[in-house]
Amino acid sequence: IVGGGGREHALAWQCAAAARVSEVLVAPGN
């Protein structure tokens, strides 16, 4: 996930909830 705001936190949280997703990187994140 590219970005470091609230939108990107929500994107990372939603993607990480999927069983098939092993890891989510966020650049730069918060």
PDB file of all heavy atoms in Angstrom:
ATOM      1  N   ILE A   1       0.866  -1.174   0.000  1.00  0.00           N
ATOM      2  CA  ILE A   1       0.000   0.000   0.000  1.00  0.00           C
ATOM      3  C   ILE A   1       0.903   1.225   0.000  1.00  0.00           C
ATOM      4  O   ILE A   1       1.784   1.360   0.857  1.00  0.00           O
ATOM      5  CB  ILE A   1      -0.920   0.040   1.242  1.00  0.00           C
ATOM      6  CG1 ILE A   1      -1.726  -1.258   1.379  1.00  0.00           C
ATOM      7  CG2 ILE A   1      -1.829   1.262   1.188  1.00  0.00           C
ATOM      8  CD1 ILE A   1      -2.715  -1.512   0.272  1.00  0.00           C
ATOM      9  N   VAL A   2       0.693   2.124  -0.939  1.00  0.00           N
ATOM     10  CA  VAL A   2       1.510   3.326  -1.030  1.00  0.00           C
ATOM     11  C   VAL A   2       0.778   4.496  -0.392  1.00  0.00           C
ATOM     12  O   VAL A   2      -0.352   4.826  -0.768  1.00  0.00           O
ATOM     13  CB  VAL A   2       1.848   3.646  -2.497  1.00  0.00           C
ATOM     14  CG1 VAL A   2       2.570   4.995  -2.607  1.00  0.00           C
ATOM     15  CG2 VAL A   2       2.714   2.537  -3.096  1.00  0.00           C
ATOM     16  N   GLY A   3       1.419   5.117   0.598  1.00  0.00           N
ATOM     17  CA  GLY A   3       0.864   6.276   1.282  1.00  0.00           C
ATOM     18  C   GLY A   3       1.019   6.164   2.787  1.00  0.00           C
ATOM     19  O   GLY A   3       1.428   5.121   3.306  1.00  0.00           O
ATOM     20  N   GLY A   4       0.696   7.232   3.489  1.00  0.00           N
ATOM     21  CA  GLY A   4       0.896   7.233   4.928  1.00  0.00           C
ATOM     22  C   GLY A   4      -0.237   7.837   5.724  1.00  0.00           C
ATOM     23  O   GLY A   4      -0.053   8.210   6.885  1.00  0.00           O
ATOM     24  N   GLY A   5      -1.435   7.928   5.138  1.00  0.00           N
ATOM     25  CA  GLY A   5      -2.550   8.572   5.813  1.00  0.00           C
ATOM     26  C   GLY A   5      -3.587   7.600   6.340  1.00  0.00           C
ATOM     27  O   GLY A   5      -3.379   6.384   6.372  1.00  0.00           O
ATOM     28  N   GLY A   6      -4.743   8.164   6.721  1.00  0.00           N
ATOM     29  CA  GLY A   6      -5.830   7.342   7.230  1.00  0.00           C
ATOM     30  C   GLY A   6      -6.410   6.415   6.180  1.00  0.00           C
ATOM     31  O   GLY A   6      -6.800   5.290   6.480  1.00  0.00           O
ATOM     32  N   ARG A   7      -6.472   6.872   4.958  1.00  0.00           N
ATOM     33  CA  ARG A   7      -6.945   6.030   3.852  1.00  0.00           C
ATOM     34  C   ARG A   7      -6.061   4.799   3.717  1.00  0.00           C
ATOM     35  O   ARG A   7      -6.541   3.673   3.559  1.00  0.00           O
ATOM     36  CB  ARG A   7      -6.924   6.854   2.565  1.00  0.00           C
ATOM     37  CG  ARG A   7      -7.053   6.051   1.277  1.00  0.00           C
ATOM     38  CD  ARG A   7      -6.901   6.950   0.064  1.00  0.00           C
ATOM     39  NE  ARG A   7      -5.713   7.765   0.159  1.00  0.00           N
ATOM     40  CZ  ARG A   7      -5.662   9.063  -0.169  1.00  0.00           C
ATOM     41  NH1 ARG A   7      -6.728   9.670  -0.648  1.00  0.00           N
ATOM     42  NH2 ARG A   7      -4.545   9.744  -0.036  1.00  0.00           N
ATOM     43  N   GLU A   8      -4.732   4.998   3.811  1.00  0.00           N
ATOM     44  CA  GLU A   8      -3.809   3.887   3.642  1.00  0.00           C
ATOM     45  C   GLU A   8      -3.840   2.927   4.828  1.00  0.00           C
ATOM     46  O   GLU A   8      -3.686   1.714   4.650  1.00  0.00           O
ATOM     47  CB  GLU A   8      -2.397   4.429   3.419  1.00  0.00           C
ATOM     48  CG  GLU A   8      -2.215   5.075   2.055  1.00  0.00           C
ATOM     49  CD  GLU A   8      -2.834   6.464   1.954  1.00  0.00           C
ATOM     50  OE1 GLU A   8      -2.808   7.204   2.967  1.00  0.00           O
ATOM     51  OE2 GLU A   8      -3.350   6.806   0.876  1.00  0.00           O
ATOM     52  N   HIS A   9      -4.063   3.448   6.038  1.00  0.00           N
ATOM     53  CA  HIS A   9      -4.231   2.559   7.186  1.00  0.00           C
ATOM     54  C   HIS A   9      -5.463   1.682   6.969  1.00  0.00           C
ATOM     55  O   HIS A   9      -5.432   0.468   7.202  1.00  0.00           O
ATOM     56  CB  HIS A   9      -4.364   3.364   8.482  1.00  0.00           C
ATOM     57  CG  HIS A   9      -4.400   2.524   9.717  1.00  0.00           C
ATOM     58  ND1 HIS A   9      -4.600   3.054  10.982  1.00  0.00           N
ATOM     59  CD2 HIS A   9      -4.278   1.184   9.908  1.00  0.00           C
ATOM     60  CE1 HIS A   9      -4.579   2.067  11.882  1.00  0.00           C
ATOM     61  NE2 HIS A   9      -4.406   0.931  11.248  1.00  0.00           N
ATOM     62  N   ALA A  10      -6.554   2.282   6.484  1.00  0.00           N
ATOM     63  CA  ALA A  10      -7.772   1.505   6.231  1.00  0.00           C
ATOM     64  C   ALA A  10      -7.550   0.474   5.132  1.00  0.00           C
ATOM     65  O   ALA A  10      -8.022  -0.676   5.233  1.00  0.00           O
ATOM     66  CB  ALA A  10      -8.928   2.441   5.870  1.00  0.00           C
ATOM     67  N   LEU A  11      -6.842   0.840   4.088  1.00  0.00           N
ATOM     68  CA  LEU A  11      -6.542  -0.114   3.010  1.00  0.00           C
ATOM     69  C   LEU A  11      -5.710  -1.283   3.535  1.00  0.00           C
ATOM     70  O   LEU A  11      -5.989  -2.448   3.229  1.00  0.00           O
ATOM     71  CB  LEU A  11      -5.792   0.593   1.884  1.00  0.00           C
ATOM     72  CG  LEU A  11      -6.621   1.441   0.918  1.00  0.00           C
ATOM     73  CD1 LEU A  11      -5.724   2.360   0.102  1.00  0.00           C
ATOM     74  CD2 LEU A  11      -7.467   0.567   0.008  1.00  0.00           C
ATOM     75  N   ALA A  12      -4.680  -0.970   4.319  1.00  0.00           N
ATOM     76  CA  ALA A  12      -3.823  -2.031   4.858  1.00  0.00           C
ATOM     77  C   ALA A  12      -4.601  -2.940   5.799  1.00  0.00           C
ATOM     78  O   ALA A  12      -4.465  -4.175   5.740  1.00  0.00           O
ATOM     79  CB  ALA A  12      -2.633  -1.406   5.589  1.00  0.00           C
ATOM     80  N   TRP A  13      -5.410  -2.359   6.656  1.00  0.00           N
ATOM     81  CA  TRP A  13      -6.228  -3.125   7.611  1.00  0.00           C
ATOM     82  C   TRP A  13      -7.196  -4.043   6.865  1.00  0.00           C
ATOM     83  O   TRP A  13      -7.344  -5.215   7.212  1.00  0.00           O
ATOM     84  CB  TRP A  13      -6.974  -2.139   8.511  1.00  0.00           C
ATOM     85  CG  TRP A  13      -8.061  -2.722   9.341  1.00  0.00           C
ATOM     86  CD1 TRP A  13      -7.937  -3.403  10.524  1.00  0.00           C
ATOM     87  CD2 TRP A  13      -9.471  -2.650   9.068  1.00  0.00           C
ATOM     88  NE1 TRP A  13      -9.177  -3.763  10.991  1.00  0.00           N
ATOM     89  CE2 TRP A  13     -10.134  -3.322  10.129  1.00  0.00           C
ATOM     90  CE3 TRP A  13     -10.238  -2.097   8.043  1.00  0.00           C
ATOM     91  CZ2 TRP A  13     -11.521  -3.437  10.173  1.00  0.00           C
ATOM     92  CZ3 TRP A  13     -11.612  -2.206   8.089  1.00  0.00           C
ATOM     93  CH2 TRP A  13     -12.240  -2.877   9.145  1.00  0.00           C
ATOM     94  N   GLN A  14      -7.832  -3.524   5.820  1.00  0.00           N
ATOM     95  CA  GLN A  14      -8.808  -4.322   5.076  1.00  0.00           C
ATOM     96  C   GLN A  14      -8.120  -5.458   4.336  1.00  0.00           C
ATOM     97  O   GLN A  14      -8.582  -6.603   4.360  1.00  0.00           O
ATOM     98  CB  GLN A  14      -9.558  -3.420   4.091  1.00  0.00           C
ATOM     99  CG  GLN A  14     -11.016  -3.815   3.831  1.00  0.00           C
ATOM    100  CD  GLN A  14     -11.162  -5.028   2.923  1.00  0.00           C
ATOM    101  OE1 GLN A  14     -10.265  -5.361   2.160  1.00  0.00           O
ATOM    102  NE2 GLN A  14     -12.303  -5.692   2.994  1.00  0.00           N
ATOM    103  N   CYS A  15      -6.990  -5.176   3.682  1.00  0.00           N
ATOM    104  CA  CYS A  15      -6.283  -6.224   2.939  1.00  0.00           C
ATOM    105  C   CYS A  15      -5.709  -7.284   3.871  1.00  0.00           C
ATOM    106  O   CYS A  15      -5.739  -8.482   3.561  1.00  0.00           O
ATOM    107  CB  CYS A  15      -5.168  -5.606   2.091  1.00  0.00           C
ATOM    108  SG  CYS A  15      -5.760  -4.641   0.673  1.00  0.00           S
ATOM    109  N   ALA A  16      -5.178  -6.864   5.021  1.00  0.00           N
ATOM    110  CA  ALA A  16      -4.571  -7.811   5.957  1.00  0.00           C
ATOM    111  C   ALA A  16      -5.596  -8.770   6.547  1.00  0.00           C
ATOM    112  O   ALA A  16      -5.234  -9.857   7.016  1.00  0.00           O
ATOM    113  CB  ALA A  16      -3.851  -7.062   7.073  1.00  0.00           C
ATOM    114  N   ALA A  17      -6.866  -8.392   6.528  1.00  0.00           N
ATOM    115  CA  ALA A  17      -7.911  -9.252   7.090  1.00  0.00           C
ATOM    116  C   ALA A  17      -8.168 -10.490   6.233  1.00  0.00           C
ATOM    117  O   ALA A  17      -8.775 -11.461   6.703  1.00  0.00           O
ATOM    118  CB  ALA A  17      -9.205  -8.456   7.260  1.00  0.00           C
ATOM    119  N   ALA A  18      -7.720 -10.475   4.977  1.00  0.00           N
ATOM    120  CA  ALA A  18      -7.965 -11.612   4.081  1.00  0.00           C
ATOM    121  C   ALA A  18      -7.019 -12.758   4.421  1.00  0.00           C
ATOM    122  O   ALA A  18      -5.814 -12.564   4.587  1.00  0.00           O
ATOM    123  CB  ALA A  18      -7.760 -11.179   2.629  1.00  0.00           C
ATOM    124  N   ALA A  19      -7.556 -13.968   4.490  1.00  0.00           N
ATOM    125  CA  ALA A  19      -6.758 -15.139   4.867  1.00  0.00           C
ATOM    126  C   ALA A  19      -5.638 -15.393   3.875  1.00  0.00           C
ATOM    127  O   ALA A  19      -4.556 -15.848   4.246  1.00  0.00           O
ATOM    128  CB  ALA A  19      -7.654 -16.365   4.974  1.00  0.00           C
ATOM    129  N   ARG A  20      -5.847 -15.089   2.596  1.00  0.00           N
ATOM    130  CA  ARG A  20      -4.836 -15.395   1.582  1.00  0.00           C
ATOM    131  C   ARG A  20      -3.683 -14.396   1.572  1.00  0.00           C
ATOM    132  O   ARG A  20      -2.691 -14.603   0.892  1.00  0.00           O
ATOM    133  CB  ARG A  20      -5.483 -15.451   0.200  1.00  0.00           C
ATOM    134  CG  ARG A  20      -5.888 -14.095  -0.347  1.00  0.00           C
ATOM    135  CD  ARG A  20      -6.524 -14.260  -1.715  1.00  0.00           C
ATOM    136  NE  ARG A  20      -6.676 -12.970  -2.389  1.00  0.00           N
ATOM    137  CZ  ARG A  20      -6.447 -12.772  -3.674  1.00  0.00           C
ATOM    138  NH1 ARG A  20      -6.046 -13.767  -4.439  1.00  0.00           N
ATOM    139  NH2 ARG A  20      -6.622 -11.597  -4.219  1.00  0.00           N
ATOM    140  N   VAL A  21      -3.822 -13.302   2.316  1.00  0.00           N
ATOM    141  CA  VAL A  21      -2.779 -12.283   2.368  1.00  0.00           C
ATOM    142  C   VAL A  21      -1.832 -12.600   3.516  1.00  0.00           C
ATOM    143  O   VAL A  21      -2.247 -12.669   4.676  1.00  0.00           O
ATOM    144  CB  VAL A  21      -3.380 -10.876   2.533  1.00  0.00           C
ATOM    145  CG1 VAL A  21      -2.283  -9.841   2.747  1.00  0.00           C
ATOM    146  CG2 VAL A  21      -4.229 -10.522   1.316  1.00  0.00           C
ATOM    147  N   SER A  22      -0.550 -12.814   3.182  1.00  0.00           N
ATOM    148  CA  SER A  22       0.434 -13.151   4.216  1.00  0.00           C
ATOM    149  C   SER A  22       1.004 -11.915   4.893  1.00  0.00           C
ATOM    150  O   SER A  22       1.286 -11.927   6.097  1.00  0.00           O
ATOM    151  CB  SER A  22       1.578 -13.962   3.601  1.00  0.00           C
ATOM    152  OG  SER A  22       2.202 -13.223   2.553  1.00  0.00           O
ATOM    153  N   GLU A  23       1.177 -10.831   4.128  1.00  0.00           N
ATOM    154  CA  GLU A  23       1.754  -9.617   4.696  1.00  0.00           C
ATOM    155  C   GLU A  23       1.381  -8.420   3.840  1.00  0.00           C
ATOM    156  O   GLU A  23       1.232  -8.527   2.621  1.00  0.00           O
ATOM    157  CB  GLU A  23       3.283  -9.733   4.787  1.00  0.00           C
ATOM    158  CG  GLU A  23       3.938  -8.577   5.528  1.00  0.00           C
ATOM    159  CD  GLU A  23       5.443  -8.738   5.661  1.00  0.00           C
ATOM    160  OE1 GLU A  23       6.067  -9.344   4.757  1.00  0.00           O
ATOM    161  OE2 GLU A  23       6.010  -8.244   6.657  1.00  0.00           O
ATOM    162  N   VAL A  24       1.217  -7.270   4.508  1.00  0.00           N
ATOM    163  CA  VAL A  24       0.957  -6.005   3.819  1.00  0.00           C
ATOM    164  C   VAL A  24       2.062  -5.034   4.202  1.00  0.00           C
ATOM    165  O   VAL A  24       2.313  -4.796   5.388  1.00  0.00           O
ATOM    166  CB  VAL A  24      -0.414  -5.417   4.203  1.00  0.00           C
ATOM    167  CG1 VAL A  24      -0.635  -4.083   3.500  1.00  0.00           C
ATOM    168  CG2 VAL A  24      -1.542  -6.389   3.862  1.00  0.00           C
ATOM    169  N   LEU A  25       2.754  -4.495   3.201  1.00  0.00           N
ATOM    170  CA  LEU A  25       3.721  -3.430   3.434  1.00  0.00           C
ATOM    171  C   LEU A  25       3.055  -2.088   3.153  1.00  0.00           C
ATOM    172  O   LEU A  25       2.220  -1.988   2.242  1.00  0.00           O
ATOM    173  CB  LEU A  25       4.947  -3.597   2.527  1.00  0.00           C
ATOM    174  CG  LEU A  25       6.066  -4.514   3.032  1.00  0.00           C
ATOM    175  CD1 LEU A  25       5.601  -5.956   3.099  1.00  0.00           C
ATOM    176  CD2 LEU A  25       7.302  -4.383   2.143  1.00  0.00           C
ATOM    177  N   VAL A  26       3.405  -1.081   3.926  1.00  0.00           N
ATOM    178  CA  VAL A  26       2.872   0.266   3.713  1.00  0.00           C
ATOM    179  C   VAL A  26       4.056   1.228   3.617  1.00  0.00           C
ATOM    180  O   VAL A  26       4.915   1.255   4.490  1.00  0.00           O
ATOM    181  CB  VAL A  26       1.934   0.700   4.854  1.00  0.00           C
ATOM    182  CG1 VAL A  26       1.243   2.016   4.492  1.00  0.00           C
ATOM    183  CG2 VAL A  26       0.890  -0.367   5.149  1.00  0.00           C
ATOM    184  N   ALA A  27       4.091   1.998   2.534  1.00  0.00           N
ATOM    185  CA  ALA A  27       5.196   2.932   2.317  1.00  0.00           C
ATOM    186  C   ALA A  27       4.659   4.360   2.182  1.00  0.00           C
ATOM    187  O   ALA A  27       3.954   4.644   1.220  1.00  0.00           O
ATOM    188  CB  ALA A  27       5.958   2.535   1.046  1.00  0.00           C
ATOM    189  N   PRO A  28       4.927   5.256   3.164  1.00  0.00           N
ATOM    190  CA  PRO A  28       5.766   5.016   4.339  1.00  0.00           C
ATOM    191  C   PRO A  28       4.998   4.541   5.574  1.00  0.00           C
ATOM    192  O   PRO A  28       5.615   4.132   6.545  1.00  0.00           O
ATOM    193  CB  PRO A  28       6.371   6.398   4.592  1.00  0.00           C
ATOM    194  CG  PRO A  28       5.289   7.349   4.188  1.00  0.00           C
ATOM    195  CD  PRO A  28       4.617   6.697   2.994  1.00  0.00           C
ATOM    196  N   GLY A  29       3.660   4.634   5.548  1.00  0.00           N
ATOM    197  CA  GLY A  29       2.877   4.216   6.701  1.00  0.00           C
ATOM    198  C   GLY A  29       2.896   5.234   7.826  1.00  0.00           C
ATOM    199  O   GLY A  29       3.366   6.365   7.674  1.00  0.00           O
ATOM    200  N   ASN A  30       2.371   4.837   8.988  1.00  0.00           N
ATOM    201  CA  ASN A  30       2.291   5.720  10.156  1.00  0.00           C
ATOM    202  C   ASN A  30       2.308   4.850  11.417  1.00  0.00           C
ATOM    203  O   ASN A  30       2.550   3.638  11.337  1.00  0.00           O
ATOM    204  CB  ASN A  30       1.038   6.599  10.077  1.00  0.00           C
ATOM    205  CG  ASN A  30      -0.247   5.795   9.883  1.00  0.00           C
ATOM    206  OD1 ASN A  30      -0.454   4.766  10.527  1.00  0.00           O
ATOM    207  ND2 ASN A  30      -1.123   6.265   8.998  1.00  0.00           N
TER     208      ASN A  30
END
